[in-house]
């Protein structure tokens, strides 16, 4: 798999997590979860690659037998998953720190195909690298634990694109309206602490 596949995965770990990590991964397509911008990614070839790569890392981390609910209650699982993917594709170093230049290039190549996203990329990428670094400085990686920088970056990208999604592409369900409301108020939508259940 190439680095563009990793970009798709990193940018959608937060987006599609709750429907991706069930023991059988074919349910991904049926549930929109927190994918609140209907820009067609779920119908793309990259989407299928995302499923395959995430499955590989989930198996390596011993998460493949875990139920969806169990996985989402533990943020560390998601952090370790993103770190695994980034390392496999040489977009993070041995400690899990992101390789900014390589990842920025890959993000631009992948997302610039979406016309509405292209002009936003430079600003979003910079903001999300800054955000991930600030979080990492405030909360350094604990010994023996996974590095959260990749997850913080991917969550940040998801947040920005969810809020920037053109009105005509927005999912107007009650769940997505609630998620956008939380994001606009600068509240975290934590997959691991039942925030999503509250937005149903």
N, C-alpha and C. Protein backbone atom coordinates (compact mmCIF):
# COMPACT_ATOMS: atom_id res chain seq x y z
N UNK A 1 0.84 -1.18 0.00
CA UNK A 1 0.00 0.00 0.00
C UNK A 1 0.89 1.25 0.00
N UNK A 2 0.42 2.31 -0.69
CA UNK A 2 1.23 3.50 -0.74
C UNK A 2 0.87 4.48 0.35
N UNK A 3 1.59 5.60 0.36
CA UNK A 3 1.40 6.57 1.44
C UNK A 3 0.05 7.26 1.34
N UNK A 4 -0.51 7.36 0.13
CA UNK A 4 -1.82 7.99 0.02
C UNK A 4 -2.88 7.17 0.73
N UNK A 5 -2.72 5.85 0.70
CA UNK A 5 -3.65 5.01 1.43
C UNK A 5 -3.58 5.31 2.92
N UNK A 6 -2.37 5.49 3.43
CA UNK A 6 -2.23 5.82 4.85
C UNK A 6 -2.91 7.13 5.17
N UNK A 7 -2.79 8.13 4.27
CA UNK A 7 -3.43 9.41 4.50
C UNK A 7 -4.93 9.23 4.63
N UNK A 8 -5.50 8.43 3.75
CA UNK A 8 -6.93 8.18 3.83
C UNK A 8 -7.29 7.56 5.16
N UNK A 9 -6.46 6.65 5.63
CA UNK A 9 -6.73 5.97 6.89
C UNK A 9 -6.58 6.93 8.06
N UNK A 10 -5.46 7.65 8.09
CA UNK A 10 -5.23 8.56 9.20
C UNK A 10 -6.34 9.59 9.29
N UNK A 11 -6.76 10.11 8.14
CA UNK A 11 -7.78 11.14 8.16
C UNK A 11 -9.16 10.61 8.44
N UNK A 12 -9.33 9.30 8.38
CA UNK A 12 -10.66 8.76 8.63
C UNK A 12 -10.73 7.84 9.83
N UNK A 13 -9.64 7.69 10.55
CA UNK A 13 -9.74 6.90 11.79
C UNK A 13 -10.78 7.52 12.70
N UNK A 14 -10.70 8.82 12.84
CA UNK A 14 -11.69 9.50 13.67
C UNK A 14 -13.05 9.53 13.00
N UNK A 15 -13.08 9.64 11.69
CA UNK A 15 -14.35 9.77 10.98
C UNK A 15 -15.14 8.49 11.03
N UNK A 16 -14.48 7.38 10.77
CA UNK A 16 -15.23 6.14 10.62
C UNK A 16 -15.00 5.12 11.68
N UNK A 17 -14.43 5.52 12.78
CA UNK A 17 -14.01 4.55 13.78
C UNK A 17 -15.15 3.67 14.25
N UNK A 18 -16.26 4.24 14.61
CA UNK A 18 -17.27 3.43 15.28
C UNK A 18 -17.89 2.37 14.39
N UNK A 19 -17.87 2.56 13.06
CA UNK A 19 -18.40 1.50 12.24
C UNK A 19 -17.32 0.61 11.68
N UNK A 20 -16.06 0.97 11.85
CA UNK A 20 -14.98 0.20 11.25
C UNK A 20 -14.50 -0.93 12.13
N UNK A 21 -14.59 -0.78 13.44
CA UNK A 21 -13.98 -1.74 14.32
C UNK A 21 -14.97 -2.67 14.97
N UNK A 22 -15.69 -3.36 14.15
CA UNK A 22 -16.48 -4.48 14.62
C UNK A 22 -15.74 -5.71 14.13
N UNK A 23 -15.95 -6.87 14.74
CA UNK A 23 -15.22 -8.05 14.31
C UNK A 23 -15.36 -8.34 12.82
N UNK A 24 -16.52 -8.04 12.24
CA UNK A 24 -16.66 -8.17 10.80
C UNK A 24 -16.72 -6.75 10.25
N UNK A 25 -15.78 -6.45 9.33
CA UNK A 25 -15.60 -5.07 8.92
C UNK A 25 -16.56 -4.63 7.82
N UNK A 26 -17.38 -5.54 7.30
CA UNK A 26 -18.24 -5.16 6.19
C UNK A 26 -19.36 -4.22 6.61
N UNK A 27 -19.54 -4.00 7.91
CA UNK A 27 -20.59 -3.09 8.36
C UNK A 27 -20.21 -1.63 8.14
N UNK A 28 -18.97 -1.37 7.79
CA UNK A 28 -18.48 0.01 7.67
C UNK A 28 -19.39 0.85 6.77
N UNK A 29 -19.76 0.31 5.63
CA UNK A 29 -20.49 1.09 4.65
C UNK A 29 -21.91 1.42 5.10
N UNK A 30 -22.49 0.61 5.98
CA UNK A 30 -23.91 0.76 6.28
C UNK A 30 -24.23 1.82 7.32
N UNK A 31 -23.25 2.18 8.13
CA UNK A 31 -23.54 3.13 9.20
C UNK A 31 -22.70 4.38 9.05
N UNK A 32 -23.31 5.58 8.94
CA UNK A 32 -22.55 6.80 8.72
C UNK A 32 -21.75 7.24 9.92
N UNK A 33 -22.14 6.80 11.12
CA UNK A 33 -21.42 7.16 12.34
C UNK A 33 -21.19 8.66 12.41
N UNK A 34 -19.92 9.06 12.48
CA UNK A 34 -19.62 10.48 12.59
C UNK A 34 -19.14 11.04 11.26
N UNK A 35 -19.43 10.36 10.18
CA UNK A 35 -19.12 10.87 8.84
C UNK A 35 -20.28 11.76 8.43
N UNK A 36 -20.14 13.05 8.69
CA UNK A 36 -21.26 13.97 8.52
C UNK A 36 -21.15 14.84 7.28
N UNK A 37 -20.19 14.52 6.41
CA UNK A 37 -20.07 15.23 5.13
C UNK A 37 -20.14 14.18 4.03
N UNK A 38 -21.19 14.22 3.25
CA UNK A 38 -21.44 13.20 2.23
C UNK A 38 -20.74 13.55 0.93
N UNK A 39 -19.40 13.40 0.93
CA UNK A 39 -18.63 13.74 -0.26
C UNK A 39 -18.20 12.52 -1.05
N UNK A 40 -18.79 11.36 -0.76
CA UNK A 40 -18.59 10.19 -1.59
C UNK A 40 -17.42 9.31 -1.25
N UNK A 41 -16.69 9.60 -0.16
CA UNK A 41 -15.50 8.80 0.14
C UNK A 41 -15.84 7.33 0.34
N UNK A 42 -17.03 7.04 0.91
CA UNK A 42 -17.38 5.65 1.20
C UNK A 42 -17.55 4.82 -0.06
N UNK A 43 -17.65 5.47 -1.22
CA UNK A 43 -17.79 4.74 -2.48
C UNK A 43 -16.48 4.64 -3.24
N UNK A 44 -15.40 5.13 -2.67
CA UNK A 44 -14.14 5.17 -3.38
C UNK A 44 -13.31 3.90 -3.17
N UNK A 45 -12.35 3.71 -4.07
CA UNK A 45 -11.42 2.59 -3.95
C UNK A 45 -10.60 2.75 -2.68
N UNK A 46 -10.22 3.98 -2.37
CA UNK A 46 -9.43 4.23 -1.16
C UNK A 46 -10.15 3.76 0.09
N UNK A 47 -11.47 3.86 0.08
CA UNK A 47 -12.24 3.44 1.24
C UNK A 47 -12.03 1.95 1.52
N UNK A 48 -12.04 1.14 0.46
CA UNK A 48 -11.83 -0.30 0.63
C UNK A 48 -10.41 -0.57 1.14
N UNK A 49 -9.44 0.20 0.68
CA UNK A 49 -8.07 0.04 1.14
C UNK A 49 -7.96 0.41 2.62
N UNK A 50 -8.73 1.42 3.02
CA UNK A 50 -8.74 1.83 4.43
C UNK A 50 -9.13 0.65 5.31
N UNK A 51 -10.18 -0.04 4.91
CA UNK A 51 -10.67 -1.17 5.70
C UNK A 51 -9.58 -2.23 5.83
N UNK A 52 -8.91 -2.55 4.72
CA UNK A 52 -7.90 -3.60 4.73
C UNK A 52 -6.71 -3.24 5.62
N UNK A 53 -6.23 -2.02 5.52
CA UNK A 53 -5.07 -1.61 6.31
C UNK A 53 -5.41 -1.53 7.78
N UNK A 54 -6.58 -1.01 8.10
CA UNK A 54 -6.96 -0.94 9.51
C UNK A 54 -7.12 -2.33 10.10
N UNK A 55 -7.61 -3.26 9.28
CA UNK A 55 -7.76 -4.63 9.76
C UNK A 55 -6.39 -5.21 10.12
N UNK A 56 -5.40 -4.98 9.26
CA UNK A 56 -4.05 -5.49 9.51
C UNK A 56 -3.50 -4.98 10.84
N UNK A 57 -3.60 -3.67 11.05
CA UNK A 57 -3.07 -3.10 12.30
C UNK A 57 -3.88 -3.56 13.50
N UNK A 58 -5.20 -3.67 13.34
CA UNK A 58 -6.03 -4.14 14.46
C UNK A 58 -5.62 -5.55 14.87
N UNK A 59 -5.33 -6.39 13.88
CA UNK A 59 -4.91 -7.76 14.18
C UNK A 59 -3.56 -7.75 14.89
N UNK A 60 -2.63 -6.94 14.41
CA UNK A 60 -1.30 -6.88 15.02
C UNK A 60 -1.36 -6.38 16.46
N UNK A 61 -2.31 -5.49 16.73
CA UNK A 61 -2.44 -4.91 18.07
C UNK A 61 -3.36 -5.73 18.97
N UNK A 62 -3.91 -6.80 18.43
CA UNK A 62 -4.81 -7.63 19.22
C UNK A 62 -6.17 -7.00 19.46
N UNK A 63 -6.59 -6.11 18.55
CA UNK A 63 -7.87 -5.42 18.70
C UNK A 63 -8.97 -6.01 17.84
N UNK A 64 -8.62 -6.96 16.97
CA UNK A 64 -9.59 -7.45 16.01
C UNK A 64 -10.73 -8.25 16.63
N UNK A 65 -10.51 -8.81 17.81
CA UNK A 65 -11.57 -9.57 18.47
C UNK A 65 -12.41 -8.70 19.40
N UNK A 66 -12.02 -7.45 19.53
CA UNK A 66 -12.71 -6.55 20.45
C UNK A 66 -14.00 -6.03 19.82
N UNK A 67 -15.04 -5.93 20.61
CA UNK A 67 -16.30 -5.40 20.09
C UNK A 67 -16.15 -3.91 19.81
N UNK A 68 -17.04 -3.41 18.98
CA UNK A 68 -17.06 -1.99 18.65
C UNK A 68 -17.13 -1.14 19.93
N UNK A 69 -18.02 -1.49 20.80
CA UNK A 69 -18.22 -0.72 22.04
C UNK A 69 -16.97 -0.73 22.91
N UNK A 70 -16.35 -1.91 23.04
CA UNK A 70 -15.13 -2.01 23.87
C UNK A 70 -14.01 -1.15 23.30
N UNK A 71 -13.87 -1.19 21.98
CA UNK A 71 -12.79 -0.44 21.34
C UNK A 71 -12.97 1.05 21.55
N UNK A 72 -14.17 1.53 21.36
CA UNK A 72 -14.42 2.96 21.42
C UNK A 72 -14.34 3.53 22.82
N UNK A 73 -14.44 2.68 23.82
CA UNK A 73 -14.36 3.16 25.19
C UNK A 73 -12.92 3.39 25.63
N UNK A 74 -11.97 2.98 24.79
CA UNK A 74 -10.57 3.09 25.16
C UNK A 74 -9.82 3.91 24.12
N UNK A 75 -9.56 5.17 24.44
CA UNK A 75 -8.89 6.07 23.51
C UNK A 75 -7.52 5.53 23.12
N UNK A 76 -6.86 4.86 24.04
CA UNK A 76 -5.51 4.36 23.76
C UNK A 76 -5.52 3.38 22.59
N UNK A 77 -6.60 2.62 22.44
CA UNK A 77 -6.70 1.72 21.29
C UNK A 77 -6.61 2.49 19.98
N UNK A 78 -7.32 3.60 19.91
CA UNK A 78 -7.35 4.40 18.69
C UNK A 78 -6.00 5.06 18.45
N UNK A 79 -5.38 5.53 19.51
CA UNK A 79 -4.06 6.14 19.42
C UNK A 79 -3.05 5.13 18.87
N UNK A 80 -3.07 3.92 19.40
CA UNK A 80 -2.13 2.88 18.96
C UNK A 80 -2.39 2.47 17.52
N UNK A 81 -3.64 2.46 17.13
CA UNK A 81 -3.99 2.09 15.76
C UNK A 81 -3.40 3.08 14.77
N UNK A 82 -3.58 4.37 15.01
CA UNK A 82 -3.04 5.38 14.11
C UNK A 82 -1.52 5.32 14.08
N UNK A 83 -0.90 5.15 15.25
CA UNK A 83 0.56 5.06 15.29
C UNK A 83 1.06 3.88 14.46
N UNK A 84 0.40 2.75 14.57
CA UNK A 84 0.78 1.56 13.81
C UNK A 84 0.73 1.84 12.31
N UNK A 85 -0.36 2.44 11.87
CA UNK A 85 -0.54 2.73 10.44
C UNK A 85 0.53 3.71 9.95
N UNK A 86 0.75 4.77 10.72
CA UNK A 86 1.73 5.78 10.31
C UNK A 86 3.14 5.19 10.21
N UNK A 87 3.51 4.37 11.16
CA UNK A 87 4.84 3.75 11.13
C UNK A 87 4.98 2.82 9.93
N UNK A 88 3.95 2.06 9.64
CA UNK A 88 4.02 1.11 8.52
C UNK A 88 4.30 1.83 7.20
N UNK A 89 3.81 3.04 7.09
CA UNK A 89 3.95 3.78 5.84
C UNK A 89 4.99 4.89 5.91
N UNK A 90 5.84 4.80 6.93
CA UNK A 90 6.97 5.71 7.06
C UNK A 90 6.54 7.17 7.09
N UNK A 91 5.41 7.42 7.74
CA UNK A 91 4.93 8.78 7.96
C UNK A 91 5.06 9.17 9.42
N UNK A 92 5.70 8.31 10.20
CA UNK A 92 6.04 8.60 11.59
C UNK A 92 7.37 7.91 11.88
N UNK A 93 8.13 8.48 12.80
CA UNK A 93 9.41 7.87 13.14
C UNK A 93 9.21 6.74 14.16
N UNK A 94 10.31 6.22 14.66
CA UNK A 94 10.23 5.07 15.57
C UNK A 94 9.47 5.38 16.85
N UNK A 95 9.45 6.66 17.23
CA UNK A 95 8.76 7.04 18.46
C UNK A 95 7.29 7.40 18.22
N UNK A 96 6.88 7.38 16.95
CA UNK A 96 5.50 7.73 16.62
C UNK A 96 5.30 9.19 16.28
N UNK A 97 6.37 10.00 16.32
CA UNK A 97 6.26 11.40 15.92
C UNK A 97 6.05 11.47 14.41
N UNK A 98 5.12 12.31 13.98
CA UNK A 98 4.80 12.42 12.56
C UNK A 98 5.94 13.07 11.78
N UNK A 99 6.15 12.58 10.56
CA UNK A 99 7.11 13.18 9.64
C UNK A 99 6.34 14.21 8.82
N UNK A 100 6.40 15.45 9.23
CA UNK A 100 5.51 16.48 8.71
C UNK A 100 5.56 16.66 7.21
N UNK A 101 6.76 16.74 6.65
CA UNK A 101 6.88 17.02 5.22
C UNK A 101 6.24 15.91 4.39
N UNK A 102 6.53 14.66 4.72
CA UNK A 102 5.98 13.54 3.96
C UNK A 102 4.47 13.45 4.12
N UNK A 103 3.98 13.63 5.35
CA UNK A 103 2.55 13.52 5.58
C UNK A 103 1.80 14.67 4.92
N UNK A 104 2.33 15.88 5.00
CA UNK A 104 1.68 17.03 4.37
C UNK A 104 1.55 16.82 2.87
N UNK A 105 2.62 16.32 2.25
CA UNK A 105 2.59 16.07 0.81
C UNK A 105 1.53 15.03 0.47
N UNK A 106 1.48 13.97 1.25
CA UNK A 106 0.52 12.91 0.98
C UNK A 106 -0.92 13.38 1.19
N UNK A 107 -1.15 14.17 2.24
CA UNK A 107 -2.50 14.71 2.49
C UNK A 107 -2.95 15.56 1.32
N UNK A 108 -2.07 16.42 0.84
CA UNK A 108 -2.42 17.30 -0.29
C UNK A 108 -2.75 16.49 -1.54
N UNK A 109 -1.93 15.49 -1.83
CA UNK A 109 -2.16 14.67 -3.02
C UNK A 109 -3.49 13.94 -2.94
N UNK A 110 -3.82 13.47 -1.75
CA UNK A 110 -5.05 12.70 -1.60
C UNK A 110 -6.29 13.58 -1.63
N UNK A 111 -6.29 14.66 -0.87
CA UNK A 111 -7.51 15.43 -0.69
C UNK A 111 -7.73 16.50 -1.74
N UNK A 112 -6.70 16.86 -2.51
CA UNK A 112 -6.88 17.90 -3.51
C UNK A 112 -7.82 17.48 -4.63
N UNK A 113 -8.13 16.18 -4.72
CA UNK A 113 -9.08 15.73 -5.74
C UNK A 113 -10.50 16.18 -5.41
N UNK A 114 -10.76 16.50 -4.17
CA UNK A 114 -12.06 17.05 -3.78
C UNK A 114 -11.99 18.56 -3.94
N UNK A 115 -12.74 19.06 -4.90
CA UNK A 115 -12.63 20.47 -5.28
C UNK A 115 -12.79 21.42 -4.09
N UNK A 116 -13.73 21.13 -3.23
CA UNK A 116 -13.99 22.05 -2.12
C UNK A 116 -12.91 22.01 -1.04
N UNK A 117 -12.18 20.88 -0.98
CA UNK A 117 -11.15 20.73 0.05
C UNK A 117 -9.82 21.37 -0.35
N UNK A 118 -9.53 21.37 -1.64
CA UNK A 118 -8.21 21.79 -2.12
C UNK A 118 -7.75 23.15 -1.58
N UNK A 119 -8.58 24.20 -1.64
CA UNK A 119 -8.09 25.50 -1.16
C UNK A 119 -7.93 25.61 0.35
N UNK A 120 -8.43 24.63 1.08
CA UNK A 120 -8.38 24.66 2.54
C UNK A 120 -7.18 23.90 3.11
N UNK A 121 -6.54 23.09 2.27
CA UNK A 121 -5.57 22.13 2.76
C UNK A 121 -4.38 22.74 3.48
N UNK A 122 -3.74 23.73 2.87
CA UNK A 122 -2.53 24.29 3.49
C UNK A 122 -2.80 24.79 4.90
N UNK A 123 -3.88 25.53 5.05
CA UNK A 123 -4.21 26.09 6.36
C UNK A 123 -4.56 25.00 7.37
N UNK A 124 -5.38 24.03 6.94
CA UNK A 124 -5.80 22.96 7.85
C UNK A 124 -4.61 22.11 8.28
N UNK A 125 -3.74 21.78 7.33
CA UNK A 125 -2.57 20.96 7.65
C UNK A 125 -1.69 21.66 8.68
N UNK A 126 -1.43 22.95 8.46
CA UNK A 126 -0.59 23.70 9.41
C UNK A 126 -1.25 23.75 10.79
N UNK A 127 -2.54 24.07 10.81
CA UNK A 127 -3.23 24.14 12.09
C UNK A 127 -3.19 22.81 12.83
N UNK A 128 -3.34 21.72 12.08
CA UNK A 128 -3.41 20.41 12.73
C UNK A 128 -2.04 19.91 13.18
N UNK A 129 -1.00 20.24 12.43
CA UNK A 129 0.35 19.92 12.93
C UNK A 129 0.63 20.72 14.20
N UNK A 130 0.26 22.00 14.19
CA UNK A 130 0.47 22.83 15.38
C UNK A 130 -0.32 22.28 16.57
N UNK A 131 -1.56 21.91 16.31
CA UNK A 131 -2.42 21.37 17.37
C UNK A 131 -1.82 20.08 17.95
N UNK A 132 -1.39 19.18 17.07
CA UNK A 132 -0.84 17.90 17.53
C UNK A 132 0.43 18.13 18.35
N UNK A 133 1.27 19.06 17.91
CA UNK A 133 2.50 19.34 18.65
C UNK A 133 2.21 19.96 20.01
N UNK A 134 1.24 20.88 20.04
CA UNK A 134 0.87 21.51 21.32
C UNK A 134 0.35 20.47 22.31
N UNK A 135 -0.50 19.58 21.80
CA UNK A 135 -1.04 18.52 22.67
C UNK A 135 0.08 17.61 23.18
N UNK A 136 1.02 17.33 22.28
CA UNK A 136 2.13 16.44 22.65
C UNK A 136 3.04 17.09 23.69
N UNK A 137 3.21 18.40 23.57
CA UNK A 137 4.02 19.12 24.57
C UNK A 137 3.34 19.13 25.93
N UNK A 138 2.02 19.30 25.92
CA UNK A 138 1.26 19.33 27.18
C UNK A 138 1.15 17.94 27.79
N UNK A 139 1.07 16.93 26.92
CA UNK A 139 0.88 15.55 27.39
C UNK A 139 1.89 14.64 26.69
N UNK A 140 3.14 14.66 27.11
CA UNK A 140 4.17 13.82 26.47
C UNK A 140 3.79 12.34 26.53
N UNK A 141 4.28 11.61 25.55
CA UNK A 141 4.00 10.18 25.51
C UNK A 141 4.60 9.49 26.73
N UNK A 142 3.77 8.74 27.42
CA UNK A 142 4.24 8.01 28.59
C UNK A 142 5.02 6.79 28.15
N UNK A 143 6.01 6.43 28.95
CA UNK A 143 6.84 5.26 28.63
C UNK A 143 5.97 4.02 28.48
N UNK A 144 6.19 3.30 27.39
CA UNK A 144 5.45 2.07 27.16
C UNK A 144 4.09 2.27 26.52
N UNK A 145 3.73 3.53 26.22
CA UNK A 145 2.43 3.80 25.61
C UNK A 145 2.61 4.34 24.20
N UNK A 146 1.54 4.33 23.43
CA UNK A 146 1.59 4.80 22.05
C UNK A 146 1.59 6.33 22.00
N UNK A 147 2.16 6.85 20.94
CA UNK A 147 2.26 8.29 20.73
C UNK A 147 0.95 8.82 20.15
N UNK A 148 0.31 9.80 20.81
CA UNK A 148 -0.99 10.28 20.35
C UNK A 148 -0.93 11.33 19.24
N UNK A 149 0.27 11.69 18.77
CA UNK A 149 0.37 12.78 17.80
C UNK A 149 -0.42 12.50 16.52
N UNK A 150 -0.34 11.28 16.01
CA UNK A 150 -1.07 10.94 14.79
C UNK A 150 -2.57 11.02 14.98
N UNK A 151 -3.05 10.53 16.13
CA UNK A 151 -4.48 10.60 16.39
C UNK A 151 -4.94 12.04 16.54
N UNK A 152 -4.16 12.85 17.26
CA UNK A 152 -4.52 14.26 17.43
C UNK A 152 -4.58 14.98 16.08
N UNK A 153 -3.64 14.65 15.20
CA UNK A 153 -3.63 15.25 13.86
C UNK A 153 -4.87 14.83 13.08
N UNK A 154 -5.19 13.54 13.10
CA UNK A 154 -6.32 13.05 12.31
C UNK A 154 -7.65 13.59 12.85
N UNK A 155 -7.77 13.67 14.18
CA UNK A 155 -8.99 14.22 14.77
C UNK A 155 -9.15 15.68 14.38
N UNK A 156 -8.04 16.42 14.39
CA UNK A 156 -8.07 17.83 14.02
C UNK A 156 -8.51 18.00 12.57
N UNK A 157 -7.96 17.18 11.66
CA UNK A 157 -8.37 17.26 10.26
C UNK A 157 -9.85 16.96 10.11
N UNK A 158 -10.32 15.91 10.78
CA UNK A 158 -11.74 15.56 10.73
C UNK A 158 -12.60 16.72 11.21
N UNK A 159 -12.20 17.34 12.31
CA UNK A 159 -12.96 18.46 12.86
C UNK A 159 -13.06 19.60 11.84
N UNK A 160 -11.92 19.98 11.27
CA UNK A 160 -11.92 21.09 10.31
C UNK A 160 -12.76 20.78 9.08
N UNK A 161 -12.61 19.58 8.53
CA UNK A 161 -13.37 19.25 7.32
C UNK A 161 -14.86 19.08 7.61
N UNK A 162 -15.19 18.58 8.79
CA UNK A 162 -16.60 18.45 9.16
C UNK A 162 -17.26 19.82 9.23
N UNK A 163 -16.57 20.78 9.83
CA UNK A 163 -17.14 22.12 9.96
C UNK A 163 -17.12 22.90 8.65
N UNK A 164 -16.17 22.58 7.76
CA UNK A 164 -16.05 23.31 6.50
C UNK A 164 -16.89 22.70 5.38
N UNK A 165 -17.48 21.55 5.63
CA UNK A 165 -18.24 20.85 4.60
C UNK A 165 -19.33 21.76 4.02
N UNK A 166 -19.40 21.87 2.69
CA UNK A 166 -20.44 22.70 2.06
C UNK A 166 -21.83 22.26 2.50
N UNK A 167 -22.72 23.21 2.64
CA UNK A 167 -24.05 22.93 3.17
C UNK A 167 -24.77 21.84 2.39
N UNK A 168 -24.59 21.85 1.07
CA UNK A 168 -25.30 20.87 0.24
C UNK A 168 -24.78 19.44 0.43
N UNK A 169 -23.61 19.28 1.04
CA UNK A 169 -23.05 17.95 1.27
C UNK A 169 -23.22 17.49 2.72
N UNK A 170 -23.73 18.36 3.56
CA UNK A 170 -23.84 18.03 4.98
C UNK A 170 -24.96 17.04 5.25
N UNK A 171 -24.67 16.07 6.10
CA UNK A 171 -25.70 15.18 6.63
C UNK A 171 -26.47 15.99 7.67
N UNK A 172 -27.78 16.14 7.44
CA UNK A 172 -28.57 16.98 8.35
C UNK A 172 -29.31 16.17 9.41
N UNK A 173 -28.81 14.95 9.69
CA UNK A 173 -29.43 14.14 10.73
C UNK A 173 -29.23 14.81 12.09
N UNK A 174 -30.08 14.42 13.05
CA UNK A 174 -29.97 14.97 14.40
C UNK A 174 -28.59 14.70 14.99
N UNK A 175 -28.08 13.51 14.73
CA UNK A 175 -26.76 13.12 15.24
C UNK A 175 -25.67 14.05 14.72
N UNK A 176 -25.67 14.29 13.41
CA UNK A 176 -24.63 15.13 12.82
C UNK A 176 -24.80 16.59 13.22
N UNK A 177 -26.03 17.04 13.35
CA UNK A 177 -26.26 18.41 13.82
C UNK A 177 -25.67 18.58 15.22
N UNK A 178 -25.87 17.56 16.07
CA UNK A 178 -25.34 17.62 17.43
C UNK A 178 -23.81 17.60 17.42
N UNK A 179 -23.23 16.78 16.56
CA UNK A 179 -21.77 16.71 16.46
C UNK A 179 -21.21 18.05 15.99
N UNK A 180 -21.82 18.63 14.95
CA UNK A 180 -21.35 19.94 14.48
C UNK A 180 -21.50 21.00 15.57
N UNK A 181 -22.58 20.91 16.33
CA UNK A 181 -22.77 21.85 17.44
C UNK A 181 -21.65 21.75 18.46
N UNK A 182 -21.26 20.53 18.80
CA UNK A 182 -20.16 20.33 19.76
C UNK A 182 -18.85 20.89 19.19
N UNK A 183 -18.61 20.62 17.91
CA UNK A 183 -17.37 21.08 17.30
C UNK A 183 -17.32 22.60 17.20
N UNK A 184 -18.45 23.22 16.87
CA UNK A 184 -18.50 24.68 16.79
C UNK A 184 -18.23 25.32 18.15
N UNK A 185 -18.65 24.63 19.19
CA UNK A 185 -18.42 25.13 20.56
C UNK A 185 -17.04 24.75 21.08
N UNK A 186 -16.24 24.15 20.19
CA UNK A 186 -14.89 23.72 20.54
C UNK A 186 -14.88 22.65 21.62
N UNK A 187 -15.93 21.82 21.62
CA UNK A 187 -15.98 20.68 22.53
C UNK A 187 -15.44 19.46 21.81
N UNK A 188 -14.75 18.60 22.53
CA UNK A 188 -14.30 17.34 21.95
C UNK A 188 -15.49 16.41 21.76
N UNK A 189 -15.50 15.72 20.63
CA UNK A 189 -16.45 14.63 20.44
C UNK A 189 -15.65 13.37 20.70
N UNK A 190 -15.70 12.88 21.93
CA UNK A 190 -14.85 11.76 22.32
C UNK A 190 -15.52 10.44 22.01
N UNK A 191 -14.91 9.67 21.12
CA UNK A 191 -15.46 8.37 20.76
C UNK A 191 -15.37 7.41 21.94
N UNK A 192 -14.48 7.74 22.89
CA UNK A 192 -14.18 6.81 23.98
C UNK A 192 -14.93 7.14 25.26
N UNK A 193 -15.79 8.19 25.26
CA UNK A 193 -16.46 8.53 26.52
C UNK A 193 -17.96 8.76 26.35
N UNK A 194 -18.53 8.05 25.38
CA UNK A 194 -19.98 8.04 25.18
C UNK A 194 -20.55 9.34 24.64
N UNK A 195 -19.72 10.28 24.18
CA UNK A 195 -20.27 11.50 23.59
C UNK A 195 -21.16 11.19 22.40
N UNK A 196 -20.78 10.19 21.62
CA UNK A 196 -21.56 9.88 20.43
C UNK A 196 -22.92 9.33 20.80
N UNK A 197 -22.99 8.56 21.86
CA UNK A 197 -24.28 8.05 22.30
C UNK A 197 -25.21 9.20 22.66
N UNK A 198 -24.64 10.27 23.19
CA UNK A 198 -25.45 11.40 23.60
C UNK A 198 -26.01 12.15 22.41
N UNK A 199 -25.44 11.96 21.21
CA UNK A 199 -25.90 12.70 20.05
C UNK A 199 -26.86 11.91 19.20
N UNK A 200 -27.24 10.72 19.63
CA UNK A 200 -28.15 9.92 18.83
C UNK A 200 -29.53 10.54 18.80
